[in-house]
Amino acid sequence: QVQVVESGGGLVQPGGSLRLSCLASGRIFSIGAMGWYRQAPGKEREMVGIISSGGRLGYADSVKGRFTISKDNAKNTVYLQMDSLKPEDTAVYYCYILSNGYNYWGQGTQVTVSN
């Protein structure tokens, strides 16, 4: 079994920054793509960004130029650096990791952008 745990959420003012982390642990034999989704109240879950096993990146148009995904393969960790945050970025952020051929999701971490 693989466990995925996010951390780093919180309350930040508009224009501020946050860095989310996501650690995968357990019986990991391989890791493929890793990424972040988010879900705002009353809305469907949407993709924020993805990083492939080879390091190829993809972002939602709404976060391009503001958010950056990176990873540390040795630590089985993926990061989401969020800059120039806007109130519309408020959501629960979920990490997923493709491991051993299955997608594993974290429990989510709340990000609130507000004065």
Protein backbone atom coordinates (compact mmCIF):
# COMPACT_ATOMS: atom_id res chain seq x y z
CA GLN A 1 0.00 0.00 0.00
CA VAL A 2 1.09 3.56 -0.74
CA GLN A 3 0.26 6.57 1.40
CA VAL A 4 0.18 10.11 0.10
CA VAL A 5 0.22 13.07 2.47
CA GLU A 6 0.05 16.77 1.58
CA SER A 7 1.23 19.62 3.75
CA GLY A 8 1.79 23.35 3.55
CA GLY A 9 -1.69 24.77 3.14
CA GLY A 10 -2.99 27.73 5.06
CA LEU A 11 -4.28 31.27 4.93
CA VAL A 12 -2.45 33.82 2.81
CA GLN A 13 -3.22 37.32 1.60
CA PRO A 14 -3.75 38.05 -2.08
CA GLY A 15 -0.41 38.39 -3.82
CA GLY A 16 1.26 36.10 -1.32
CA SER A 17 2.95 32.73 -1.73
CA LEU A 18 2.62 29.23 -0.38
CA ARG A 19 4.50 26.03 -1.00
CA LEU A 20 2.71 22.72 -0.83
CA SER A 21 4.51 19.42 -0.38
CA CYS A 22 3.32 15.90 -1.06
CA LEU A 23 5.14 12.84 0.23
CA ALA A 24 4.54 9.31 -0.94
CA SER A 25 5.53 6.45 1.34
CA GLY A 26 4.95 2.74 1.72
CA ARG A 27 5.51 -0.10 -0.71
CA ILE A 28 6.73 1.96 -3.65
CA PHE A 29 8.32 0.08 -6.54
CA SER A 30 7.87 2.73 -9.19
CA ILE A 31 6.62 6.29 -9.51
CA GLY A 32 5.25 7.77 -12.70
CA ALA A 33 3.45 11.06 -13.06
CA MET A 34 2.76 13.24 -10.04
CA GLY A 35 0.45 16.18 -9.87
CA TRP A 36 -1.91 18.52 -8.16
CA TYR A 37 -5.64 19.07 -8.42
CA ARG A 38 -7.89 21.44 -6.55
CA GLN A 39 -11.54 21.72 -5.67
CA ALA A 40 -13.26 24.93 -4.68
CA PRO A 41 -16.62 24.97 -2.85
CA GLY A 42 -19.44 24.18 -5.23
CA LYS A 43 -17.09 23.39 -8.11
CA GLU A 44 -15.70 20.27 -9.68
CA ARG A 45 -12.16 19.11 -9.04
CA GLU A 46 -9.78 20.57 -11.63
CA MET A 47 -6.23 19.85 -12.65
CA VAL A 48 -3.65 22.38 -11.50
CA GLY A 49 -0.45 20.88 -12.82
CA ILE A 50 1.34 17.64 -13.62
CA ILE A 51 4.95 16.54 -13.78
CA SER A 52 5.79 13.36 -15.66
CA SER A 53 8.35 10.79 -14.62
CA GLY A 54 10.72 12.41 -17.11
CA GLY A 55 10.14 15.88 -15.70
CA ARG A 56 7.75 17.14 -18.37
CA LEU A 57 5.41 19.79 -16.99
CA GLY A 58 1.83 20.77 -17.70
CA TYR A 59 -0.26 23.48 -16.06
CA ALA A 60 -3.81 24.74 -16.13
CA ASP A 61 -4.09 28.06 -17.97
CA SER A 62 -5.37 29.70 -14.81
CA VAL A 63 -2.09 29.11 -12.95
CA LYS A 64 0.53 29.34 -15.70
CA GLY A 65 3.27 31.76 -14.79
CA ARG A 66 2.26 31.77 -11.12
CA PHE A 67 2.53 28.15 -9.99
CA THR A 68 5.54 25.84 -10.33
CA ILE A 69 5.67 22.10 -9.85
CA SER A 70 8.89 20.34 -8.95
CA LYS A 71 9.84 17.01 -7.47
CA ASP A 72 12.55 15.23 -5.53
CA ASN A 73 12.73 11.66 -6.75
CA ALA A 74 14.99 10.58 -3.91
CA LYS A 75 12.39 11.72 -1.40
CA ASN A 76 9.30 10.60 -3.36
CA THR A 77 8.04 14.13 -2.96
CA VAL A 78 6.34 16.59 -5.28
CA TYR A 79 6.02 20.29 -4.58
CA LEU A 80 3.71 23.06 -5.70
CA GLN A 81 5.11 26.57 -5.39
CA MET A 82 2.25 29.05 -5.60
CA ASP A 83 3.06 32.72 -6.14
CA SER A 84 0.91 35.78 -6.80
CA LEU A 85 -2.02 34.02 -5.20
CA LYS A 86 -5.53 35.24 -5.93
CA PRO A 87 -8.78 34.78 -3.99
CA GLU A 88 -9.98 32.46 -6.77
CA ASP A 89 -7.13 30.09 -5.92
CA THR A 90 -8.93 29.28 -2.68
CA ALA A 91 -9.63 25.55 -2.68
CA VAL A 92 -8.68 22.21 -1.22
CA TYR A 93 -5.55 21.07 -3.01
CA TYR A 94 -5.05 17.38 -3.65
CA CYS A 95 -1.90 15.60 -4.65
CA TYR A 96 -1.84 12.44 -6.68
CA ILE A 97 0.98 10.06 -7.45
CA LEU A 98 1.01 7.29 -10.00
CA SER A 99 2.82 4.46 -8.26
CA ASN A 100 3.05 0.78 -9.08
CA GLY A 101 0.50 1.36 -11.83
CA TYR A 102 -2.15 2.93 -9.59
CA ASN A 103 -3.17 6.51 -8.79
CA TYR A 104 -2.96 7.37 -5.12
CA TRP A 105 -4.52 10.52 -3.71
CA GLY A 106 -3.81 12.52 -0.61
CA GLN A 107 -6.45 13.74 1.81
CA GLY A 108 -6.15 17.34 0.65
CA THR A 109 -4.88 20.54 2.18
CA GLN A 110 -6.86 23.77 2.42
CA VAL A 111 -5.52 26.92 0.78
CA THR A 112 -7.38 30.12 1.53
CA VAL A 113 -6.46 33.40 -0.14
CA SER A 114 -8.12 36.30 1.63
CA ASN A 115 -7.58 39.57 3.44
